[in-house]
Amino acid sequence: MILHCVFLRLKTAVTAEDKQSLFAAIVALKQLIPGILDIKYGPNVSPEGLHGGFVDGFAVTFESAEARDAYLIHPEHVTVGERIVSSTDGGLAGILVFDLNL
């Protein structure tokens, strides 16, 4: 299994409603793309203060690396990914991705 962690530095102009809509679109990918086992999202709740401005994020659990790789190029993911990039401060610079083997 792969845990695909994505941390976001959203633009200050992104409203709470915009954020909820964005995360709903991410969660909807589970029904559209095979191999997704789970999707969780939310704000960083660490008390350490080491977030570097990445205060929102989500994690997708995939059944395999192959499922993750298929997700990355899936048209629905590409569409949601473009929406994420346009919502972050600095575009791609406002996104940090970290994948773990489980």
Protein backbone atom coordinates (compact mmCIF):
# COMPACT_ATOMS: atom_id res chain seq x y z
CA MET A 1 0.00 0.00 0.00
CA ILE A 2 1.01 3.60 -0.58
CA LEU A 3 0.09 6.58 1.60
CA HIS A 4 0.10 9.64 -0.67
CA CYS A 5 0.31 12.74 1.55
CA VAL A 6 -0.33 16.17 0.04
CA PHE A 7 0.23 19.33 2.06
CA LEU A 8 -1.16 22.64 0.84
CA ARG A 9 -0.38 26.30 1.33
CA LEU A 10 -3.71 27.71 0.16
CA LYS A 11 -4.13 31.31 -0.98
CA THR A 12 -5.57 33.63 1.65
CA ALA A 13 -8.42 34.39 -0.78
CA VAL A 14 -9.65 30.77 -0.56
CA THR A 15 -12.81 30.86 1.57
CA ALA A 16 -13.96 28.13 3.91
CA GLU A 17 -16.62 27.21 1.33
CA ASP A 18 -13.99 27.06 -1.44
CA LYS A 19 -11.83 24.82 0.73
CA GLN A 20 -14.71 22.48 1.54
CA SER A 21 -15.63 22.27 -2.15
CA LEU A 22 -12.02 21.49 -3.07
CA PHE A 23 -11.75 18.71 -0.50
CA ALA A 24 -15.14 17.31 -1.59
CA ALA A 25 -13.79 17.07 -5.15
CA ILE A 26 -10.73 15.24 -3.84
CA VAL A 27 -12.84 12.79 -1.81
CA ALA A 28 -15.06 12.16 -4.87
CA LEU A 29 -12.03 10.72 -6.68
CA LYS A 30 -12.40 7.57 -4.55
CA GLN A 31 -15.58 6.70 -6.46
CA LEU A 32 -14.01 7.46 -9.85
CA ILE A 33 -10.50 5.99 -9.74
CA PRO A 34 -9.81 2.31 -8.99
CA GLY A 35 -7.33 1.39 -6.28
CA ILE A 36 -8.10 4.19 -3.82
CA LEU A 37 -8.80 2.65 -0.41
CA ASP A 38 -9.30 5.80 1.65
CA ILE A 39 -9.03 9.59 1.58
CA LYS A 40 -8.69 11.80 4.64
CA TYR A 41 -8.29 15.59 4.76
CA GLY A 42 -8.10 18.45 7.19
CA PRO A 43 -6.00 21.15 8.80
CA ASN A 44 -2.61 20.57 10.37
CA VAL A 45 -3.17 20.07 14.10
CA SER A 46 0.48 19.63 15.15
CA PRO A 47 1.46 21.85 18.11
CA GLU A 48 5.11 21.95 16.95
CA GLY A 49 4.76 24.91 14.60
CA LEU A 50 6.92 23.27 11.94
CA HIS A 51 4.36 23.35 9.13
CA GLY A 52 6.24 25.86 6.98
CA GLY A 53 2.95 27.41 5.93
CA PHE A 54 1.44 24.10 4.78
CA VAL A 55 -1.58 24.21 7.07
CA ASP A 56 -4.07 22.07 5.11
CA GLY A 57 -3.69 18.70 3.52
CA PHE A 58 -5.02 15.34 2.54
CA ALA A 59 -3.83 11.75 2.41
CA VAL A 60 -4.87 9.10 -0.09
CA THR A 61 -4.28 5.42 0.68
CA PHE A 62 -3.74 3.29 -2.43
CA GLU A 63 -3.80 -0.49 -2.64
CA SER A 64 -0.50 -0.46 -4.55
CA ALA A 65 2.12 1.71 -6.20
CA GLU A 66 0.55 0.79 -9.54
CA ALA A 67 -2.81 2.15 -8.38
CA ARG A 68 -1.09 5.39 -7.30
CA ASP A 69 0.66 5.66 -10.65
CA ALA A 70 -2.63 5.16 -12.54
CA TYR A 71 -4.26 7.83 -10.34
CA LEU A 72 -1.53 10.35 -11.16
CA ILE A 73 -2.39 10.31 -14.88
CA HIS A 74 -6.15 9.71 -14.56
CA PRO A 75 -8.11 12.56 -16.25
CA GLU A 76 -10.29 13.16 -13.16
CA HIS A 77 -7.18 13.53 -10.98
CA VAL A 78 -5.58 15.85 -13.53
CA THR A 79 -8.69 18.08 -13.44
CA VAL A 80 -8.80 18.20 -9.64
CA GLY A 81 -5.02 18.67 -9.55
CA GLU A 82 -5.29 21.75 -11.74
CA ARG A 83 -7.90 23.12 -9.36
CA ILE A 84 -5.59 22.46 -6.40
CA VAL A 85 -2.65 24.20 -8.10
CA SER A 86 -4.77 27.25 -8.90
CA SER A 87 -5.85 27.42 -5.22
CA THR A 88 -2.38 27.36 -3.72
CA ASP A 89 -0.04 30.20 -2.96
CA GLY A 90 2.65 30.03 -5.63
CA GLY A 91 1.04 27.28 -7.70
CA LEU A 92 3.18 24.13 -7.51
CA ALA A 93 5.39 25.80 -4.88
CA GLY A 94 2.35 25.76 -2.59
CA ILE A 95 2.13 21.95 -2.69
CA LEU A 96 4.28 19.37 -0.95
CA VAL A 97 3.82 15.68 -1.80
CA PHE A 98 5.26 12.84 0.25
CA ASP A 99 4.51 9.15 -0.44
CA LEU A 100 5.13 6.33 2.01
CA ASN A 101 5.14 2.58 1.53
CA LEU A 102 2.84 1.03 4.13
